[in-house]
Amino acid sequence: MALVKMMINKKKKTSESLGRRSFLSRLWLALGFVALAELFAGGFAFIVSGRKSDADHSPAEIIEAGGISDFTPGTVTLIRAGNLYLSRLEDGGFLAISRKCTHLGCAVPWIAERKQFECPCHASIFDSTGDVLKSPAPRALDLYSITFMRDRLMVDISRPVKRSGFIAEQLMYPPVQG
């Protein structure tokens, strides 16, 4: 009788351990499939991300920044509607400068007392033309194209222009009133 009880207990232990082993094997197999699926999804997303989409060919989104006379030479003005700054240099030229830092995309405020843009995230500093004064930003702030309609200043915010630094040809001057 004792021998039968011992064999029954042994059989229970064997079936329990096989159940656990089987469960753990299936669990590891399922986790392996999940990891493989994530790997393929990440690879697919990487390959597809470089392709041009319809968003790259979006129609122009023009905002009216204000009248030309609203912007005094030597000032930088926040244009909230376009999430940009309008910088008017001393010579009267205009730049529409993006608020996004080229390092990690933080919103960059204009500090009027120091006459510079200062990124609060990683301390990049830019001058009134958006040129990098202090890293880690890899390049100048992006620009938007400006057009003039009568005495109004219009900015196309649909296509930011990436640039390495400021050059005088980037300035836009209002038409001469005759």
N, C-alpha and C. Protein backbone atom coordinates (compact mmCIF):
# COMPACT_ATOMS: atom_id res chain seq x y z
N MET A 1 0.81 -1.19 0.00
CA MET A 1 0.00 0.00 0.00
C MET A 1 0.86 1.26 0.00
N ALA A 2 1.88 1.24 0.78
CA ALA A 2 2.79 2.38 0.84
C ALA A 2 3.46 2.58 -0.50
N LEU A 3 3.75 1.45 -1.17
CA LEU A 3 4.40 1.54 -2.47
C LEU A 3 3.46 2.18 -3.50
N VAL A 4 2.19 1.88 -3.45
CA VAL A 4 1.21 2.45 -4.38
C VAL A 4 1.08 3.95 -4.13
N LYS A 5 1.01 4.34 -2.86
CA LYS A 5 0.92 5.76 -2.53
C LYS A 5 2.14 6.51 -3.05
N MET A 6 3.31 5.91 -2.89
CA MET A 6 4.53 6.55 -3.33
C MET A 6 4.55 6.70 -4.86
N MET A 7 4.07 5.72 -5.57
CA MET A 7 4.03 5.79 -7.02
C MET A 7 3.01 6.84 -7.48
N ILE A 8 1.88 6.95 -6.79
CA ILE A 8 0.88 7.95 -7.14
C ILE A 8 1.43 9.36 -6.92
N ASN A 9 2.10 9.58 -5.79
CA ASN A 9 2.71 10.89 -5.50
C ASN A 9 3.78 11.22 -6.52
N LYS A 10 4.58 10.23 -6.93
CA LYS A 10 5.62 10.44 -7.92
C LYS A 10 5.00 10.83 -9.26
N LYS A 11 3.89 10.16 -9.61
CA LYS A 11 3.21 10.44 -10.87
C LYS A 11 2.65 11.87 -10.86
N LYS A 12 2.09 12.33 -9.71
CA LYS A 12 1.56 13.69 -9.59
C LYS A 12 2.68 14.71 -9.78
N LYS A 13 3.82 14.46 -9.14
CA LYS A 13 4.95 15.39 -9.27
C LYS A 13 5.43 15.46 -10.70
N THR A 14 5.50 14.32 -11.37
CA THR A 14 5.96 14.28 -12.76
C THR A 14 4.99 15.04 -13.66
N SER A 15 3.69 14.83 -13.49
CA SER A 15 2.72 15.52 -14.34
C SER A 15 2.70 17.02 -14.04
N GLU A 16 2.89 17.38 -12.75
CA GLU A 16 2.94 18.81 -12.41
C GLU A 16 4.18 19.46 -13.02
N SER A 17 5.33 18.80 -12.94
CA SER A 17 6.55 19.39 -13.48
C SER A 17 6.49 19.44 -15.00
N LEU A 18 5.91 18.46 -15.63
CA LEU A 18 5.73 18.51 -17.08
C LEU A 18 4.79 19.63 -17.45
N GLY A 19 3.79 19.87 -16.66
CA GLY A 19 2.86 20.98 -16.92
C GLY A 19 3.56 22.33 -16.81
N ARG A 20 4.38 22.47 -15.79
CA ARG A 20 5.13 23.72 -15.64
C ARG A 20 6.16 23.88 -16.74
N ARG A 21 6.86 22.81 -17.06
CA ARG A 21 7.85 22.87 -18.13
C ARG A 21 7.19 23.20 -19.46
N SER A 22 6.08 22.56 -19.70
CA SER A 22 5.35 22.81 -20.94
C SER A 22 4.87 24.26 -20.99
N PHE A 23 4.35 24.75 -19.87
CA PHE A 23 3.89 26.14 -19.80
C PHE A 23 5.03 27.11 -20.04
N LEU A 24 6.16 26.90 -19.38
CA LEU A 24 7.30 27.80 -19.54
C LEU A 24 7.87 27.74 -20.95
N SER A 25 7.89 26.56 -21.54
CA SER A 25 8.36 26.44 -22.93
C SER A 25 7.48 27.24 -23.87
N ARG A 26 6.18 27.09 -23.69
CA ARG A 26 5.25 27.84 -24.54
C ARG A 26 5.35 29.34 -24.30
N LEU A 27 5.54 29.73 -23.03
CA LEU A 27 5.68 31.15 -22.71
C LEU A 27 6.92 31.74 -23.40
N TRP A 28 8.06 31.05 -23.31
CA TRP A 28 9.28 31.54 -23.95
C TRP A 28 9.14 31.59 -25.47
N LEU A 29 8.46 30.63 -26.02
CA LEU A 29 8.22 30.61 -27.46
C LEU A 29 7.37 31.82 -27.88
N ALA A 30 6.31 32.09 -27.12
CA ALA A 30 5.45 33.24 -27.41
C ALA A 30 6.22 34.56 -27.27
N LEU A 31 7.03 34.69 -26.23
CA LEU A 31 7.83 35.90 -26.04
C LEU A 31 8.85 36.07 -27.17
N GLY A 32 9.39 34.97 -27.65
CA GLY A 32 10.31 35.03 -28.79
C GLY A 32 9.62 35.55 -30.04
N PHE A 33 8.38 35.08 -30.28
CA PHE A 33 7.62 35.58 -31.44
C PHE A 33 7.29 37.06 -31.31
N VAL A 34 6.97 37.51 -30.09
CA VAL A 34 6.68 38.94 -29.86
C VAL A 34 7.93 39.77 -30.15
N ALA A 35 9.09 39.33 -29.67
CA ALA A 35 10.34 40.07 -29.91
C ALA A 35 10.67 40.10 -31.40
N LEU A 36 10.45 38.99 -32.09
CA LEU A 36 10.70 38.94 -33.53
C LEU A 36 9.76 39.88 -34.28
N ALA A 37 8.50 39.92 -33.88
CA ALA A 37 7.53 40.82 -34.52
C ALA A 37 7.93 42.28 -34.30
N GLU A 38 8.39 42.63 -33.08
CA GLU A 38 8.85 43.99 -32.81
C GLU A 38 10.06 44.35 -33.66
N LEU A 39 10.96 43.40 -33.84
CA LEU A 39 12.15 43.62 -34.66
C LEU A 39 11.75 43.93 -36.11
N PHE A 40 10.85 43.11 -36.66
CA PHE A 40 10.39 43.34 -38.03
C PHE A 40 9.63 44.66 -38.17
N ALA A 41 8.78 44.98 -37.19
CA ALA A 41 8.03 46.24 -37.23
C ALA A 41 8.98 47.43 -37.17
N GLY A 42 9.99 47.38 -36.31
CA GLY A 42 10.97 48.47 -36.23
C GLY A 42 11.76 48.62 -37.51
N GLY A 43 12.17 47.51 -38.11
CA GLY A 43 12.89 47.55 -39.38
C GLY A 43 12.03 48.13 -40.49
N PHE A 44 10.77 47.72 -40.54
CA PHE A 44 9.84 48.24 -41.55
C PHE A 44 9.64 49.75 -41.38
N ALA A 45 9.44 50.18 -40.13
CA ALA A 45 9.25 51.62 -39.87
C ALA A 45 10.49 52.41 -40.27
N PHE A 46 11.66 51.87 -40.03
CA PHE A 46 12.91 52.55 -40.41
C PHE A 46 13.01 52.69 -41.93
N ILE A 47 12.69 51.64 -42.65
CA ILE A 47 12.79 51.67 -44.11
C ILE A 47 11.77 52.64 -44.70
N VAL A 48 10.56 52.62 -44.19
CA VAL A 48 9.48 53.46 -44.74
C VAL A 48 9.65 54.93 -44.34
N SER A 49 10.31 55.22 -43.23
CA SER A 49 10.39 56.60 -42.72
C SER A 49 11.12 57.54 -43.66
N GLY A 50 12.02 57.05 -44.49
CA GLY A 50 12.77 57.92 -45.39
C GLY A 50 12.03 58.28 -46.66
N ARG A 51 10.91 57.65 -46.91
CA ARG A 51 10.17 57.92 -48.14
C ARG A 51 9.42 59.23 -48.05
N LYS A 52 9.27 59.88 -49.18
CA LYS A 52 8.50 61.13 -49.23
C LYS A 52 7.03 60.79 -49.16
N SER A 53 6.31 61.54 -48.37
CA SER A 53 4.87 61.32 -48.23
C SER A 53 4.11 62.49 -48.82
N ASP A 54 2.79 62.38 -48.78
CA ASP A 54 1.96 63.47 -49.26
C ASP A 54 2.15 64.73 -48.42
N ALA A 55 2.56 64.55 -47.16
CA ALA A 55 2.78 65.71 -46.28
C ALA A 55 3.93 66.57 -46.80
N ASP A 56 4.91 65.94 -47.49
CA ASP A 56 6.04 66.69 -48.03
C ASP A 56 5.61 67.59 -49.19
N HIS A 57 4.49 67.27 -49.79
CA HIS A 57 3.99 68.03 -50.93
C HIS A 57 2.75 68.82 -50.54
N SER A 58 2.66 69.18 -49.27
CA SER A 58 1.47 69.87 -48.80
C SER A 58 1.37 71.27 -49.41
N PRO A 59 0.15 71.74 -49.60
CA PRO A 59 -0.01 73.08 -50.16
C PRO A 59 0.50 74.13 -49.18
N ALA A 60 0.82 75.28 -49.70
CA ALA A 60 1.34 76.36 -48.87
C ALA A 60 0.32 76.76 -47.82
N GLU A 61 0.80 76.99 -46.62
CA GLU A 61 -0.05 77.50 -45.55
C GLU A 61 0.48 78.89 -45.20
N ILE A 62 -0.18 79.89 -45.72
CA ILE A 62 0.27 81.28 -45.57
C ILE A 62 -0.44 81.93 -44.39
N ILE A 63 0.34 82.57 -43.54
CA ILE A 63 -0.25 83.36 -42.47
C ILE A 63 0.15 84.82 -42.67
N GLU A 64 -0.70 85.71 -42.22
CA GLU A 64 -0.39 87.13 -42.28
C GLU A 64 0.25 87.53 -40.95
N ALA A 65 1.49 87.97 -41.01
CA ALA A 65 2.23 88.32 -39.80
C ALA A 65 1.91 89.73 -39.32
N GLY A 66 1.51 90.60 -40.25
CA GLY A 66 1.19 91.98 -39.89
C GLY A 66 1.68 92.94 -40.95
N GLY A 67 1.53 94.21 -40.65
CA GLY A 67 1.99 95.23 -41.57
C GLY A 67 3.49 95.44 -41.47
N ILE A 68 4.10 95.84 -42.55
CA ILE A 68 5.55 96.06 -42.57
C ILE A 68 5.95 97.10 -41.51
N SER A 69 5.16 98.13 -41.38
CA SER A 69 5.48 99.20 -40.42
C SER A 69 5.29 98.77 -38.96
N ASP A 70 4.65 97.61 -38.73
CA ASP A 70 4.46 97.11 -37.36
C ASP A 70 5.76 96.61 -36.75
N PHE A 71 6.77 96.37 -37.58
CA PHE A 71 8.01 95.78 -37.12
C PHE A 71 9.15 96.79 -37.24
N THR A 72 9.61 97.25 -36.09
CA THR A 72 10.69 98.23 -36.04
C THR A 72 12.02 97.56 -36.34
N PRO A 73 12.89 98.21 -37.11
CA PRO A 73 14.21 97.62 -37.36
C PRO A 73 14.96 97.36 -36.04
N GLY A 74 15.65 96.22 -35.99
CA GLY A 74 16.39 95.84 -34.78
C GLY A 74 15.56 95.13 -33.74
N THR A 75 14.38 94.60 -34.12
CA THR A 75 13.52 93.92 -33.15
C THR A 75 13.23 92.49 -33.59
N VAL A 76 12.84 91.68 -32.60
CA VAL A 76 12.40 90.30 -32.84
C VAL A 76 11.02 90.19 -32.21
N THR A 77 10.04 89.72 -33.00
CA THR A 77 8.64 89.66 -32.55
C THR A 77 8.12 88.23 -32.67
N LEU A 78 7.47 87.75 -31.61
CA LEU A 78 6.86 86.43 -31.64
C LEU A 78 5.56 86.49 -32.43
N ILE A 79 5.40 85.59 -33.39
CA ILE A 79 4.16 85.45 -34.15
C ILE A 79 3.55 84.11 -33.72
N ARG A 80 2.63 84.17 -32.77
CA ARG A 80 2.07 82.94 -32.19
C ARG A 80 1.34 82.09 -33.22
N ALA A 81 0.64 82.72 -34.14
CA ALA A 81 -0.15 81.97 -35.13
C ALA A 81 0.71 81.01 -35.94
N GLY A 82 1.95 81.35 -36.18
CA GLY A 82 2.83 80.51 -36.98
C GLY A 82 3.89 79.80 -36.19
N ASN A 83 3.91 80.00 -34.87
CA ASN A 83 4.92 79.42 -34.00
C ASN A 83 6.33 79.79 -34.49
N LEU A 84 6.51 81.09 -34.72
CA LEU A 84 7.77 81.58 -35.27
C LEU A 84 8.07 82.97 -34.72
N TYR A 85 9.27 83.43 -35.00
CA TYR A 85 9.68 84.79 -34.67
C TYR A 85 9.93 85.53 -35.97
N LEU A 86 9.58 86.79 -35.98
CA LEU A 86 9.89 87.65 -37.12
C LEU A 86 10.99 88.59 -36.65
N SER A 87 12.15 88.43 -37.26
CA SER A 87 13.30 89.24 -36.91
C SER A 87 13.49 90.29 -38.00
N ARG A 88 13.49 91.55 -37.59
CA ARG A 88 13.77 92.63 -38.54
C ARG A 88 15.11 93.22 -38.14
N LEU A 89 16.07 93.06 -39.01
CA LEU A 89 17.41 93.54 -38.72
C LEU A 89 17.49 95.06 -38.88
N GLU A 90 18.59 95.62 -38.43
CA GLU A 90 18.79 97.08 -38.48
C GLU A 90 18.71 97.64 -39.90
N ASP A 91 19.12 96.85 -40.89
CA ASP A 91 19.08 97.33 -42.28
C ASP A 91 17.69 97.23 -42.91
N GLY A 92 16.70 96.73 -42.16
CA GLY A 92 15.33 96.63 -42.66
C GLY A 92 14.95 95.29 -43.23
N GLY A 93 15.91 94.35 -43.31
CA GLY A 93 15.63 93.01 -43.83
C GLY A 93 14.88 92.16 -42.82
N PHE A 94 14.05 91.24 -43.33
CA PHE A 94 13.23 90.37 -42.48
C PHE A 94 13.69 88.92 -42.57
N LEU A 95 13.55 88.21 -41.45
CA LEU A 95 13.72 86.76 -41.38
C LEU A 95 12.56 86.19 -40.57
N ALA A 96 11.93 85.13 -41.08
CA ALA A 96 10.90 84.41 -40.32
C ALA A 96 11.59 83.16 -39.77
N ILE A 97 11.83 83.16 -38.46
CA ILE A 97 12.65 82.14 -37.81
C ILE A 97 11.78 81.19 -37.00
N SER A 98 12.00 79.89 -37.19
CA SER A 98 11.28 78.86 -36.44
C SER A 98 11.63 78.93 -34.96
N ARG A 99 10.66 78.57 -34.11
CA ARG A 99 10.90 78.52 -32.66
C ARG A 99 11.51 77.19 -32.22
N LYS A 100 11.59 76.20 -33.10
CA LYS A 100 12.07 74.87 -32.73
C LYS A 100 13.59 74.82 -32.77
N CYS A 101 14.19 74.43 -31.66
CA CYS A 101 15.64 74.26 -31.59
C CYS A 101 16.04 73.12 -32.52
N THR A 102 17.14 73.29 -33.22
CA THR A 102 17.61 72.27 -34.15
C THR A 102 18.32 71.11 -33.45
N HIS A 103 18.46 71.20 -32.13
CA HIS A 103 19.08 70.11 -31.38
C HIS A 103 18.06 69.02 -31.11
N LEU A 104 17.01 69.34 -30.32
CA LEU A 104 15.99 68.34 -29.99
C LEU A 104 14.56 68.86 -30.14
N GLY A 105 14.38 70.02 -30.75
CA GLY A 105 13.04 70.51 -31.04
C GLY A 105 12.35 71.26 -29.92
N CYS A 106 13.06 71.68 -28.91
CA CYS A 106 12.46 72.46 -27.82
C CYS A 106 12.05 73.84 -28.34
N ALA A 107 11.04 74.44 -27.71
CA ALA A 107 10.64 75.80 -28.06
C ALA A 107 11.69 76.76 -27.51
N VAL A 108 12.20 77.62 -28.38
CA VAL A 108 13.29 78.52 -28.02
C VAL A 108 12.74 79.93 -27.82
N PRO A 109 12.84 80.47 -26.61
CA PRO A 109 12.37 81.85 -26.38
C PRO A 109 13.42 82.90 -26.75
N TRP A 110 12.93 84.08 -27.13
CA TRP A 110 13.79 85.23 -27.40
C TRP A 110 14.00 85.96 -26.09
N ILE A 111 15.25 86.21 -25.72
CA ILE A 111 15.59 86.95 -24.50
C ILE A 111 16.03 88.34 -24.95
N ALA A 112 15.12 89.31 -24.86
CA ALA A 112 15.36 90.65 -25.39
C ALA A 112 16.53 91.35 -24.69
N GLU A 113 16.69 91.13 -23.37
CA GLU A 113 17.77 91.80 -22.64
C GLU A 113 19.14 91.42 -23.18
N ARG A 114 19.30 90.15 -23.60
CA ARG A 114 20.59 89.68 -24.10
C ARG A 114 20.63 89.63 -25.63
N LYS A 115 19.50 89.95 -26.26
CA LYS A 115 19.37 89.95 -27.72
C LYS A 115 19.81 88.62 -28.33
N GLN A 116 19.21 87.53 -27.78
CA GLN A 116 19.53 86.21 -28.29
C GLN A 116 18.41 85.22 -27.95
N PHE A 117 18.36 84.14 -28.72
CA PHE A 117 17.46 83.03 -28.44
C PHE A 117 18.21 82.07 -27.54
N GLU A 118 17.54 81.57 -26.48
CA GLU A 118 18.20 80.65 -25.55
C GLU A 118 17.32 79.43 -25.36
N CYS A 119 17.83 78.27 -25.71
CA CYS A 119 17.08 77.03 -25.56
C CYS A 119 17.11 76.60 -24.08
N PRO A 120 15.93 76.43 -23.48
CA PRO A 120 15.89 76.05 -22.07
C PRO A 120 16.24 74.58 -21.82
N CYS A 121 16.22 73.75 -22.84
CA CYS A 121 16.46 72.31 -22.65
C CYS A 121 17.94 71.97 -22.50
N HIS A 122 18.77 72.47 -23.43
CA HIS A 122 20.18 72.08 -23.41
C HIS A 122 21.13 73.26 -23.60
N ALA A 123 20.62 74.47 -23.41
CA ALA A 123 21.43 75.69 -23.36
C ALA A 123 22.06 76.11 -24.69
N SER A 124 21.47 75.72 -25.82
CA SER A 124 21.94 76.27 -27.10
C SER A 124 21.57 77.74 -27.14
N ILE A 125 22.43 78.54 -27.78
CA ILE A 125 22.16 79.97 -27.90
C ILE A 125 22.28 80.36 -29.37
N PHE A 126 21.33 81.20 -29.82
CA PHE A 126 21.29 81.67 -31.20
C PHE A 126 21.20 83.19 -31.22
N ASP A 127 21.73 83.82 -32.26
CA ASP A 127 21.63 85.28 -32.37
C ASP A 127 20.31 85.67 -33.05
N SER A 128 20.14 86.95 -33.34
CA SER A 128 18.87 87.44 -33.90
C SER A 128 18.61 86.95 -35.32
N THR A 129 19.62 86.38 -35.98
CA THR A 129 19.42 85.79 -37.30
C THR A 129 19.17 84.29 -37.22
N GLY A 130 19.22 83.73 -36.01
CA GLY A 130 19.03 82.30 -35.81
C GLY A 130 20.31 81.50 -35.91
N ASP A 131 21.43 82.18 -36.06
CA ASP A 131 22.73 81.51 -36.16
C ASP A 131 23.16 80.98 -34.79
N VAL A 132 23.81 79.82 -34.76
CA VAL A 132 24.25 79.20 -33.51
C VAL A 132 25.42 79.98 -32.92
N LEU A 133 25.26 80.40 -31.66
CA LEU A 133 26.35 81.03 -30.92
C LEU A 133 26.99 80.04 -29.95
N LYS A 134 26.16 79.10 -29.44
CA LYS A 134 26.65 78.11 -28.48
C LYS A 134 25.94 76.78 -28.73
N SER A 135 26.69 75.70 -28.81
CA SER A 135 26.17 74.35 -29.05
C SER A 135 25.42 73.86 -27.82
N PRO A 136 24.69 72.77 -27.92
CA PRO A 136 24.84 71.61 -28.78
C PRO A 136 24.03 71.64 -30.08
N ALA A 137 23.30 72.70 -30.36
CA ALA A 137 22.54 72.76 -31.61
C ALA A 137 23.49 72.59 -32.79
N PRO A 138 23.16 71.69 -33.73
CA PRO A 138 24.08 71.40 -34.83
C PRO A 138 24.05 72.42 -35.96
N ARG A 139 22.99 73.23 -36.03
CA ARG A 139 22.88 74.19 -37.14
C ARG A 139 21.94 75.32 -36.73
N ALA A 140 21.85 76.31 -37.58
CA ALA A 140 21.01 77.48 -37.32
C ALA A 140 19.54 77.10 -37.29
N LEU A 141 18.73 77.97 -36.67
CA LEU A 141 17.28 77.76 -36.64
C LEU A 141 16.73 77.81 -38.06
N ASP A 142 15.68 77.02 -38.30
CA ASP A 142 15.07 76.98 -39.63
C ASP A 142 14.38 78.31 -39.95
N LEU A 143 14.23 78.56 -41.25
CA LEU A 143 13.55 79.76 -41.72
C LEU A 143 12.27 79.38 -42.46
N TYR A 144 11.37 80.36 -42.58
CA TYR A 144 10.18 80.23 -43.41
C TYR A 144 10.26 81.32 -44.48
N SER A 145 9.67 81.04 -45.64
CA SER A 145 9.74 82.04 -46.71
C SER A 145 8.74 83.15 -46.46
N ILE A 146 9.15 84.35 -46.83
CA ILE A 146 8.36 85.57 -46.62
C ILE A 146 8.02 86.17 -47.98
N THR A 147 6.79 86.65 -48.09
CA THR A 147 6.38 87.43 -49.26
C THR A 147 5.69 88.69 -48.76
N PHE A 148 5.62 89.69 -49.62
CA PHE A 148 4.97 90.95 -49.27
C PHE A 148 3.79 91.16 -50.20
N MET A 149 2.64 91.46 -49.62
CA MET A 149 1.45 91.80 -50.40
C MET A 149 1.01 93.18 -49.96
N ARG A 150 1.20 94.13 -50.86
CA ARG A 150 0.97 95.55 -50.55
C ARG A 150 1.86 95.92 -49.37
N ASP A 151 1.29 96.31 -48.26
CA ASP A 151 2.11 96.67 -47.09
C ASP A 151 2.04 95.59 -46.01
N ARG A 152 1.59 94.38 -46.38
CA ARG A 152 1.44 93.28 -45.43
C ARG A 152 2.55 92.25 -45.63
N LEU A 153 2.96 91.63 -44.54
CA LEU A 153 4.00 90.63 -44.54
C LEU A 153 3.35 89.25 -44.41
N MET A 154 3.59 88.34 -45.36
CA MET A 154 3.00 87.01 -45.38
C MET A 154 4.11 85.97 -45.21
N VAL A 155 3.83 84.92 -44.43
CA VAL A 155 4.82 83.87 -44.16
C VAL A 155 4.23 82.51 -44.50
N ASP A 156 4.97 81.72 -45.28
CA ASP A 156 4.56 80.36 -45.63
C ASP A 156 5.14 79.42 -44.57
N ILE A 157 4.28 78.90 -43.69
CA ILE A 157 4.75 78.05 -42.58
C ILE A 157 4.69 76.56 -42.91
N SER A 158 4.34 76.21 -44.15
CA SER A 158 4.21 74.79 -44.48
C SER A 158 5.55 74.12 -44.78
N ARG A 159 6.55 74.88 -45.15
CA ARG A 159 7.85 74.28 -45.53
C ARG A 159 9.01 75.03 -44.87
N PRO A 160 9.47 74.57 -43.71
CA PRO A 160 10.64 75.21 -43.12
C PRO A 160 11.89 74.94 -43.96
N VAL A 161 12.76 75.94 -44.01
CA VAL A 161 14.01 75.82 -44.78
C VAL A 161 15.14 75.54 -43.81
N LYS A 162 15.77 74.36 -43.96
CA LYS A 162 16.91 74.02 -43.12
C LYS A 162 18.14 74.72 -43.67
N ARG A 163 19.00 75.17 -42.76
CA ARG A 163 20.20 75.89 -43.19
C ARG A 163 21.32 75.64 -42.20
N SER A 164 22.55 75.81 -42.67
CA SER A 164 23.69 75.60 -41.79
C SER A 164 24.05 76.87 -41.03
N GLY A 165 23.76 78.02 -41.62
CA GLY A 165 24.07 79.29 -40.98
C GLY A 165 23.44 80.44 -41.73
N PHE A 166 23.64 81.63 -41.21
CA PHE A 166 23.05 82.83 -41.82
C PHE A 166 23.92 83.33 -42.97
N ILE A 167 23.24 83.66 -44.08
CA ILE A 167 23.88 84.37 -45.19
C ILE A 167 22.94 85.50 -45.59
N ALA A 168 23.50 86.57 -46.08
CA ALA A 168 22.73 87.78 -46.38
C ALA A 168 21.60 87.55 -47.38
N GLU A 169 21.75 86.55 -48.27
CA GLU A 169 20.72 86.26 -49.27
C GLU A 169 19.43 85.73 -48.66
N GLN A 170 19.47 85.33 -47.40
CA GLN A 170 18.28 84.84 -46.73
C GLN A 170 17.35 85.97 -46.30
N LEU A 171 17.85 87.18 -46.24
CA LEU A 171 17.04 88.33 -45.83
C LEU A 171 16.02 88.68 -46.91
N MET A 172 14.83 89.05 -46.49
CA MET A 172 13.79 89.51 -47.41
C MET A 172 13.53 90.99 -47.11
N TYR A 173 13.53 91.79 -48.15
CA TYR A 173 13.32 93.23 -48.00
C TYR A 173 11.97 93.61 -48.61
N PRO A 174 11.26 94.51 -47.95
CA PRO A 174 9.97 94.94 -48.50
C PRO A 174 10.19 95.71 -49.80
N PRO A 175 9.19 95.66 -50.69
CA PRO A 175 9.34 96.42 -51.94
C PRO A 175 9.44 97.90 -51.67
N VAL A 176 10.21 98.59 -52.50
CA VAL A 176 10.38 100.02 -52.36
C VAL A 176 9.11 100.71 -52.83
N GLN A 177 8.56 101.54 -51.96
CA GLN A 177 7.34 102.29 -52.31
C GLN A 177 7.72 103.49 -53.16
N GLY A 178 7.13 103.62 -54.33
CA GLY A 178 7.51 104.68 -55.23
C GLY A 178 6.51 105.71 -55.39
